[in-house]
Protein backbone atom coordinates (compact mmCIF):
# COMPACT_ATOMS: atom_id res chain seq x y z
CA MET A 1 -51.97 6.70 -48.21
CA ALA A 2 -55.04 4.53 -47.47
CA SER A 3 -54.55 1.48 -45.77
CA THR A 4 -54.82 -1.78 -47.91
CA GLU A 5 -56.07 -3.83 -45.07
CA ILE A 6 -59.06 -4.55 -42.86
CA ASN A 7 -58.18 -5.26 -39.32
CA ASN A 8 -59.43 -5.75 -35.94
CA ARG A 9 -62.91 -5.57 -37.14
CA HIS A 10 -66.00 -7.55 -36.51
CA ILE A 11 -67.67 -8.74 -39.69
CA ILE A 12 -70.88 -10.50 -40.39
CA CYS A 13 -71.37 -12.12 -43.58
CA ILE A 14 -74.72 -13.06 -44.82
CA SER A 15 -73.98 -15.73 -47.19
CA SER A 16 -75.84 -17.42 -50.12
CA VAL A 17 -74.29 -20.69 -49.66
CA ASP A 18 -73.22 -22.84 -46.73
CA TRP A 19 -69.36 -22.83 -45.74
CA ASP A 20 -69.33 -26.74 -46.99
CA PRO A 21 -68.84 -28.49 -49.28
CA LEU A 22 -68.54 -26.18 -52.34
CA TRP A 23 -66.34 -23.01 -51.99
CA THR A 24 -67.44 -20.15 -54.03
CA ARG A 25 -66.57 -16.45 -53.75
CA LYS A 26 -67.93 -16.01 -50.44
CA GLN A 27 -65.54 -18.46 -48.58
CA GLN A 28 -62.61 -17.40 -50.82
CA VAL A 29 -62.82 -13.90 -49.67
CA MET A 30 -63.70 -14.38 -46.03
CA SER A 31 -60.89 -16.91 -45.55
CA ARG A 32 -58.41 -14.39 -46.89
CA LEU A 33 -59.42 -11.44 -44.80
CA PRO A 34 -56.74 -11.06 -42.09
CA GLU A 35 -57.07 -13.22 -39.01
CA SER A 36 -57.31 -10.19 -36.64
CA ASN A 37 -60.94 -9.81 -37.90
CA THR A 38 -63.68 -11.80 -36.08
CA ILE A 39 -66.06 -13.00 -38.87
CA LEU A 40 -69.55 -14.62 -38.31
CA TYR A 41 -70.39 -16.44 -41.41
CA VAL A 42 -74.22 -16.67 -41.71
CA GLU A 43 -75.45 -19.39 -43.95
CA PRO A 44 -78.70 -19.38 -46.01
CA PRO A 45 -81.71 -20.56 -43.93
CA ILE A 46 -84.12 -23.38 -45.23
CA THR A 47 -87.70 -22.94 -45.55
CA LEU A 48 -90.14 -25.15 -43.94
CA LEU A 49 -90.79 -26.80 -47.44
CA SER A 50 -87.36 -26.97 -48.48
CA PRO A 51 -86.60 -30.77 -46.96
CA PHE A 52 -89.58 -32.02 -48.82
CA LYS A 53 -88.23 -30.99 -52.18
CA ASP A 54 -84.48 -32.02 -51.18
CA PRO A 55 -84.14 -34.52 -48.47
CA SER A 56 -80.45 -33.44 -47.85
CA MET A 57 -81.86 -30.13 -46.44
CA TRP A 58 -83.00 -31.95 -43.17
CA SER A 59 -79.34 -31.58 -42.05
CA LYS A 60 -79.82 -27.87 -42.00
CA TRP A 61 -82.13 -28.31 -38.85
CA ARG A 62 -79.24 -29.98 -36.92
CA ALA A 63 -77.07 -27.22 -37.90
CA TRP A 64 -79.50 -24.58 -36.62
CA PHE A 65 -79.65 -26.57 -33.22
CA LYS A 66 -76.03 -26.77 -32.93
CA GLY A 67 -75.86 -22.71 -32.71
CA ILE A 68 -72.41 -21.17 -33.27
CA ARG A 69 -69.80 -23.57 -34.88
CA PRO A 70 -66.21 -22.36 -34.69
CA LEU A 71 -64.11 -23.27 -37.64
CA PRO A 72 -61.36 -25.39 -36.71
CA ALA A 73 -59.12 -24.34 -39.76
CA GLN A 74 -59.47 -20.60 -39.18
CA LYS A 75 -60.04 -19.72 -35.35
CA ASN A 76 -61.34 -16.43 -36.20
CA ILE A 77 -64.37 -17.47 -38.36
CA PHE A 78 -67.65 -18.79 -36.80
CA LEU A 79 -70.41 -20.38 -38.77
CA TYR A 80 -74.05 -20.07 -37.78
CA SER A 81 -77.28 -21.52 -39.73
CA PRO A 82 -80.44 -19.41 -39.05
CA PRO A 83 -83.76 -20.96 -37.89
CA VAL A 84 -86.07 -22.36 -40.67
CA THR A 85 -88.37 -19.73 -42.37
CA LEU A 86 -91.73 -19.31 -44.15
CA PRO A 87 -91.71 -20.35 -47.65
CA PHE A 88 -92.27 -17.95 -50.55
CA GLY A 89 -90.15 -15.16 -48.98
CA ASN A 90 -88.74 -14.39 -52.58
CA LYS A 91 -92.04 -14.11 -53.88
CA SER A 92 -93.78 -11.94 -51.11
CA ARG A 93 -92.21 -9.05 -49.74
CA LEU A 94 -94.48 -9.14 -46.74
CA ILE A 95 -93.23 -12.84 -46.06
CA ASN A 96 -89.52 -11.79 -46.29
CA ARG A 97 -89.98 -9.04 -43.78
CA ILE A 98 -91.54 -11.62 -41.50
CA ASN A 99 -88.52 -14.00 -42.20
CA GLN A 100 -85.90 -11.42 -41.64
CA TRP A 101 -87.22 -10.24 -38.40
CA TRP A 102 -87.67 -13.93 -37.15
CA ILE A 103 -83.93 -14.41 -38.34
CA SER A 104 -82.84 -11.16 -36.45
CA LEU A 105 -84.31 -12.52 -33.08
CA PHE A 106 -81.85 -15.27 -33.28
CA LEU A 107 -78.82 -13.46 -34.88
CA LYS A 108 -78.81 -10.96 -32.06
CA ARG A 109 -78.31 -13.78 -29.71
CA VAL A 110 -75.29 -15.08 -31.67
CA ILE A 111 -74.08 -11.62 -32.12
CA SER A 112 -74.07 -10.85 -28.28
CA LYS A 113 -72.68 -14.28 -27.51
CA LEU A 114 -69.50 -13.65 -29.74
CA ARG A 115 -69.37 -9.81 -28.41
CA ILE A 116 -69.48 -8.57 -31.86
CA ARG A 117 -69.58 -4.64 -31.74
CA ASN A 118 -69.94 -2.09 -34.69
CA PRO A 119 -69.97 -4.83 -37.37
CA ILE A 120 -69.29 -4.37 -40.95
CA LEU A 121 -72.23 -6.01 -42.45
CA TRP A 122 -71.32 -7.85 -45.59
CA THR A 123 -74.09 -9.41 -47.61
CA TYR A 124 -74.60 -11.61 -50.67
CA MET A 125 -78.40 -11.60 -50.39
CA PRO A 126 -80.83 -9.19 -51.46
CA ASN A 127 -83.54 -10.01 -49.26
CA THR A 128 -81.47 -8.94 -46.22
CA ALA A 129 -82.82 -5.36 -47.23
CA ASP A 130 -85.28 -6.10 -44.93
CA LEU A 131 -82.76 -7.21 -42.12
CA LEU A 132 -80.80 -4.02 -42.01
CA ASN A 133 -82.85 -2.20 -39.39
CA TYR A 134 -82.73 -5.17 -36.86
CA ILE A 135 -78.77 -5.49 -36.88
CA GLU A 136 -76.73 -2.48 -35.78
CA HIS A 137 -73.59 -1.82 -38.29
CA ASP A 138 -71.03 0.32 -38.99
CA LEU A 139 -70.86 -0.21 -42.58
CA LEU A 140 -72.89 -2.07 -45.32
CA VAL A 141 -71.35 -3.96 -48.13
CA TYR A 142 -73.06 -5.78 -50.84
CA ASP A 143 -70.98 -8.33 -53.00
CA CYS A 144 -73.48 -8.91 -55.82
CA VAL A 145 -72.43 -12.13 -57.77
CA ASP A 146 -75.65 -13.13 -59.91
CA GLU A 147 -78.73 -11.44 -61.36
CA HIS A 148 -80.76 -12.68 -58.75
CA SER A 149 -84.21 -11.66 -60.55
CA GLU A 150 -83.37 -14.19 -63.15
CA TYR A 151 -83.08 -17.31 -61.02
CA THR A 152 -85.76 -20.02 -61.99
CA GLY A 153 -88.11 -21.42 -59.17
CA LEU A 154 -89.99 -19.82 -56.43
CA ILE A 155 -89.02 -16.07 -56.82
CA ASN A 156 -91.07 -13.10 -58.11
CA LYS A 157 -88.76 -11.09 -60.17
CA GLN A 158 -90.04 -7.58 -59.24
CA VAL A 159 -89.87 -8.36 -55.71
CA MET A 160 -86.27 -9.48 -55.86
CA ILE A 161 -85.31 -6.35 -58.03
CA ASP A 162 -87.12 -4.09 -55.27
CA MET A 163 -85.43 -5.64 -52.64
CA GLU A 164 -82.19 -5.62 -54.20
CA ARG A 165 -82.42 -1.76 -55.06
CA ASP A 166 -83.57 -1.09 -51.48
CA LEU A 167 -80.35 -2.71 -50.41
CA MET A 168 -78.16 -0.93 -52.64
CA ALA A 169 -79.80 2.27 -51.33
CA GLU A 170 -78.50 1.88 -48.14
CA CYS A 171 -75.14 0.16 -49.01
CA ASP A 172 -71.67 2.20 -48.40
CA ILE A 173 -70.16 0.05 -51.13
CA VAL A 174 -71.32 -2.69 -53.85
CA PHE A 175 -68.98 -4.84 -55.66
CA VAL A 176 -70.39 -6.68 -58.88
CA THR A 177 -68.81 -9.44 -60.60
CA ALA A 178 -69.82 -8.99 -64.23
CA PRO A 179 -69.96 -5.87 -66.84
CA GLY A 180 -73.65 -6.62 -67.12
CA LEU A 181 -74.04 -6.30 -63.38
CA TYR A 182 -72.38 -3.08 -63.28
CA GLU A 183 -74.28 -1.50 -66.01
CA ASP A 184 -77.57 -2.85 -64.58
CA LYS A 185 -76.72 -1.82 -60.97
CA LYS A 186 -74.68 1.35 -61.13
CA ALA A 187 -77.54 3.61 -61.20
CA PHE A 188 -78.86 2.51 -57.76
CA ALA A 189 -75.54 2.41 -55.96
CA LYS A 190 -73.58 5.26 -54.89
CA ASN A 191 -70.35 3.62 -54.68
CA ILE A 192 -69.95 0.39 -57.09
CA TYR A 193 -66.95 -1.37 -58.40
CA TYR A 194 -66.74 -4.13 -61.12
CA LEU A 195 -64.62 -7.04 -59.59
CA PRO A 196 -64.97 -10.24 -61.40
CA ASN A 197 -64.27 -13.72 -59.76
CA ALA A 198 -60.75 -15.43 -59.56
CA ALA A 199 -59.13 -18.62 -58.72
CA ASN A 200 -56.96 -20.21 -55.94
CA VAL A 201 -54.15 -20.03 -58.30
CA GLU A 202 -51.52 -21.70 -55.93
CA HIS A 203 -53.95 -24.83 -55.46
CA PHE A 204 -55.19 -25.17 -59.21
CA ASN A 205 -51.60 -24.88 -60.38
CA LYS A 206 -50.85 -28.45 -58.89
CA ALA A 207 -52.73 -29.71 -61.90
CA LEU A 208 -49.28 -28.89 -63.40
CA ALA A 209 -47.24 -30.63 -60.88
CA PRO A 210 -45.49 -34.00 -61.37
CA GLU A 211 -46.18 -35.15 -57.95
CA THR A 212 -50.11 -34.55 -58.38
CA LYS A 213 -51.72 -37.83 -58.47
CA ILE A 214 -54.49 -38.54 -60.98
CA PRO A 215 -57.65 -40.00 -59.12
CA PRO A 216 -58.32 -43.83 -59.52
CA ASP A 217 -62.17 -43.03 -60.80
CA ILE A 218 -60.61 -40.89 -63.91
CA ARG A 219 -57.10 -42.73 -64.38
CA ASN A 220 -58.19 -45.38 -66.83
CA ILE A 221 -60.92 -43.20 -68.67
CA PRO A 222 -59.84 -43.35 -72.42
CA LYS A 223 -58.22 -40.16 -73.62
CA PRO A 224 -58.64 -37.58 -74.99
CA ILE A 225 -60.72 -36.11 -72.18
CA VAL A 226 -63.07 -33.36 -72.45
CA GLY A 227 -64.01 -32.02 -68.92
CA PHE A 228 -66.09 -30.03 -67.04
CA VAL A 229 -65.94 -29.21 -63.27
CA GLY A 230 -68.88 -27.62 -61.43
CA VAL A 231 -72.50 -27.91 -60.20
CA ILE A 232 -74.64 -29.23 -63.02
CA GLN A 233 -77.58 -26.86 -62.70
CA ASP A 234 -80.14 -25.63 -65.05
CA TRP A 235 -77.84 -23.10 -66.59
CA ILE A 236 -75.37 -25.61 -67.78
CA ASP A 237 -76.01 -26.53 -71.59
CA LEU A 238 -76.42 -30.04 -71.57
CA ASP A 239 -77.32 -30.44 -75.09
CA LEU A 240 -74.03 -28.72 -76.20
CA ILE A 241 -72.03 -31.29 -73.86
CA LYS A 242 -73.99 -34.14 -75.60
CA ALA A 243 -73.16 -32.82 -79.02
CA ILE A 244 -69.68 -33.07 -78.04
CA ALA A 245 -69.96 -36.59 -76.97
CA VAL A 246 -71.87 -37.66 -80.08
CA ARG A 247 -69.56 -35.90 -82.51
CA TYR A 248 -66.30 -37.59 -81.10
CA PRO A 249 -67.56 -40.98 -79.71
CA GLU A 250 -63.88 -42.09 -79.63
CA TRP A 251 -63.28 -39.15 -76.94
CA SER A 252 -64.29 -39.08 -73.43
CA VAL A 253 -66.46 -36.29 -71.82
CA VAL A 254 -66.06 -36.16 -68.23
CA LEU A 255 -68.36 -34.10 -65.85
CA VAL A 256 -67.24 -33.75 -62.10
CA GLY A 257 -69.42 -32.08 -59.73
CA PRO A 258 -73.04 -32.93 -58.12
CA VAL A 259 -76.30 -32.68 -60.21
CA GLY A 260 -78.85 -30.04 -59.10
CA VAL A 261 -82.14 -30.76 -57.96
CA GLY A 262 -84.49 -31.35 -60.93
CA VAL A 263 -81.78 -31.49 -63.59
CA ASP A 264 -82.33 -34.24 -66.08
CA ILE A 265 -79.05 -35.97 -66.93
CA SER A 266 -80.56 -39.09 -68.19
CA GLY A 267 -79.73 -38.46 -71.82
CA LEU A 268 -76.05 -37.52 -71.17
CA ALA A 269 -75.87 -40.52 -68.68
CA ALA A 270 -76.90 -42.88 -71.60
CA LEU A 271 -74.13 -42.19 -73.73
CA PRO A 272 -71.18 -44.73 -73.38
CA ASN A 273 -68.50 -42.15 -73.52
CA VAL A 274 -69.89 -39.74 -70.80
CA TYR A 275 -68.74 -39.98 -67.45
CA LEU A 276 -70.65 -38.42 -64.44
CA LEU A 277 -67.84 -38.82 -61.61
CA GLY A 278 -70.19 -36.64 -58.99
CA ARG A 279 -69.08 -34.26 -56.20
CA LYS A 280 -65.41 -34.11 -55.46
CA ASP A 281 -63.53 -32.67 -52.48
CA ILE A 282 -61.87 -29.27 -53.63
CA LYS A 283 -58.44 -30.67 -52.48
CA ASP A 284 -58.70 -33.22 -55.25
CA LEU A 285 -59.85 -31.19 -58.03
CA PRO A 286 -56.28 -30.53 -59.42
CA GLY A 287 -55.89 -34.29 -59.75
CA TYR A 288 -58.95 -34.33 -62.07
CA LEU A 289 -57.91 -31.27 -63.92
CA LYS A 290 -54.64 -32.95 -64.54
CA ALA A 291 -56.39 -35.82 -66.25
CA PHE A 292 -58.17 -33.37 -68.67
CA ASP A 293 -57.01 -32.67 -72.24
CA LEU A 294 -59.56 -29.68 -72.46
CA CYS A 295 -61.98 -27.95 -70.11
CA ILE A 296 -65.18 -26.53 -71.32
CA ASN A 297 -67.47 -23.77 -70.04
CA PRO A 298 -70.96 -24.68 -71.62
CA PHE A 299 -73.17 -22.06 -70.17
CA LYS A 300 -76.64 -21.42 -71.63
CA LEU A 301 -76.70 -18.11 -73.07
CA ASN A 302 -79.70 -16.25 -71.10
CA ALA A 303 -80.37 -13.09 -69.00
CA LEU A 304 -78.72 -15.07 -66.03
CA THR A 305 -75.54 -16.08 -67.53
CA ASP A 306 -75.06 -12.81 -69.45
CA LYS A 307 -74.10 -11.36 -66.06
CA VAL A 308 -72.13 -14.07 -64.70
CA SER A 309 -68.33 -14.26 -63.87
CA PRO A 310 -67.80 -17.82 -64.16
CA LEU A 311 -65.68 -18.92 -61.36
CA LYS A 312 -64.65 -22.24 -62.67
CA PHE A 313 -63.12 -20.49 -65.49
CA TYR A 314 -60.50 -19.11 -63.63
CA GLU A 315 -59.85 -22.28 -62.18
CA TYR A 316 -59.35 -23.91 -65.71
CA LEU A 317 -56.97 -20.85 -66.25
CA ALA A 318 -55.00 -21.72 -63.45
CA SER A 319 -54.63 -25.51 -64.25
CA GLY A 320 -52.91 -24.52 -67.61
CA LYS A 321 -55.60 -26.49 -69.78
CA PRO A 322 -57.08 -25.26 -73.06
CA ILE A 323 -60.21 -23.81 -72.49
CA VAL A 324 -63.39 -23.64 -74.91
CA SER A 325 -66.29 -21.46 -73.86
CA VAL A 326 -69.33 -20.08 -75.13
CA ASP A 327 -69.48 -16.29 -76.06
CA MET A 328 -70.37 -14.64 -72.64
CA PRO A 329 -69.23 -11.26 -71.44
CA GLY A 330 -67.33 -12.57 -68.30
CA VAL A 331 -64.87 -14.42 -70.67
CA ARG A 332 -64.38 -12.13 -73.76
CA GLU A 333 -61.21 -10.10 -72.26
CA PHE A 334 -59.48 -13.71 -72.66
CA SER A 335 -60.34 -13.87 -76.43
CA ASP A 336 -56.88 -14.12 -77.17
CA ILE A 337 -55.92 -17.08 -75.05
CA ILE A 338 -58.99 -19.30 -75.11
CA TYR A 339 -61.50 -20.30 -77.80
CA ILE A 340 -64.82 -18.53 -77.90
CA ALA A 341 -67.62 -20.09 -79.67
CA HIS A 342 -70.74 -18.27 -81.07
CA ASN A 343 -72.93 -21.41 -81.58
CA LYS A 344 -72.92 -24.98 -80.97
CA GLU A 345 -71.41 -26.15 -84.04
CA GLU A 346 -68.44 -23.84 -83.74
CA PHE A 347 -68.06 -24.94 -80.10
CA VAL A 348 -67.76 -28.49 -81.26
CA ASP A 349 -65.41 -27.53 -83.82
CA PHE A 350 -63.32 -25.55 -81.45
CA VAL A 351 -63.01 -28.66 -78.84
CA LYS A 352 -61.13 -30.56 -81.52
CA MET A 353 -59.04 -27.50 -82.66
CA ALA A 354 -58.24 -26.48 -79.03
CA ILE A 355 -56.70 -30.00 -78.36
CA ASN A 356 -54.83 -30.25 -81.81
CA THR A 357 -53.29 -26.81 -81.59
CA GLU A 358 -52.32 -26.76 -77.78
CA ASP A 359 -48.49 -25.99 -77.34
CA GLU A 360 -46.31 -24.72 -74.44
CA GLY A 361 -46.62 -21.04 -75.35
CA LYS A 362 -50.38 -21.02 -75.30
CA GLN A 363 -50.18 -22.65 -71.79
CA LYS A 364 -47.74 -20.00 -70.54
CA LYS A 365 -50.05 -17.22 -71.48
CA ARG A 366 -53.18 -18.86 -69.70
CA LEU A 367 -51.07 -19.26 -66.61
CA ALA A 368 -49.96 -15.82 -66.57
CA ALA A 369 -53.58 -14.46 -67.00
CA ALA A 370 -54.56 -16.59 -64.02
CA ALA A 371 -51.68 -15.19 -61.78
CA ARG A 372 -53.17 -11.77 -62.60
CA ASN A 373 -56.60 -13.04 -61.24
CA SER A 374 -55.92 -14.43 -57.84
CA TRP A 375 -58.33 -14.21 -54.87
CA GLU A 376 -55.53 -12.62 -52.99
CA SER A 377 -55.52 -9.78 -55.61
CA ARG A 378 -59.45 -9.46 -55.30
CA VAL A 379 -59.38 -9.38 -51.62
CA ARG A 380 -56.69 -6.44 -51.51
CA PHE A 381 -58.96 -4.55 -53.73
CA MET A 382 -61.83 -5.04 -51.85
CA MET A 383 -60.49 -4.11 -48.60
CA GLU A 384 -58.58 -1.04 -50.35
CA LYS A 385 -61.99 0.20 -51.14
CA ILE A 386 -64.05 -0.56 -48.12
CA ASN A 387 -61.42 1.08 -45.96
CA LEU A 388 -61.91 4.38 -48.10
CA CYS A 389 -65.45 4.18 -46.78
CA PHE A 390 -64.19 4.76 -43.43
CA LYS A 391 -62.26 8.06 -44.13
């Protein structure tokens, strides 16, 4: 029988997000691998232009100068922020090749300092296709969490597609988070598995615990509360959220999470029953979910979200709260325990219906579904399939 764990390995994780403050699939997976492994978590670099578009990015310069940053909470994980790179690497393959070569010069020094040997190279970034030849590795893993070619901003769609296909051609194993991603990538990967996102079930179950306190900034907001947790990016349907607030002026619509750069929330902020509470620490989120009467999953429907496994959806499930979602492939398997709307009017109608028809039996079914979709189960699956690659 194949081992179900990865042990005593060196792992280099090329991530698309910093370790803090917002935890996503990357941190959830890496933090659950056995502690016998040494993990180098490589945060995404910024370009020379990034701080001028988002001043908070100046802090990334400091992170680079710090070099290797041990993670106090998990002594086997080390963080590293790469050097600043040239802009437009996602538009020009030539620039990306230069950037990846530049990053490799510094990354090799870090690998040497940590005495990393024969690592598993575990990437979340299509552009690492041009890093592979510079970093020796025993195994190449690509965990594909989005359709990167559909991102808005400074990218060239065909360049992104080409880089990703070149990466997958070299991969020993590929995981994808959504059915659409599986269908789109399976022809280009020799070993691919569909594995959706999940939840830290134990943590978000705390929304049901009597001892969990509701935070002060939501405690006195009038009920019922229709709630959203997550980054407010351009793929969130703000018009849909506004429609809920307008239809039910006596209800409260609460958004917990930071606002993405360039996202205009002025239309929502002007409404008296909409509350924008900003970014919160992950440890406090169960308290906010406890205050909600209903959770909403209001993605815009487009080529990007058609291939998304909404992480917050699984956390909603684990909180036990009723859920209304747009009709996206990543949630359809849960159609018997949530409300899935096919248009704006139906979504707004379902909001009221979900609150009015909630009962203990429905909550138990959602909690049972959440228990089957834990990060622990996802990581066990990944380790089992990766171990087969070593046979």
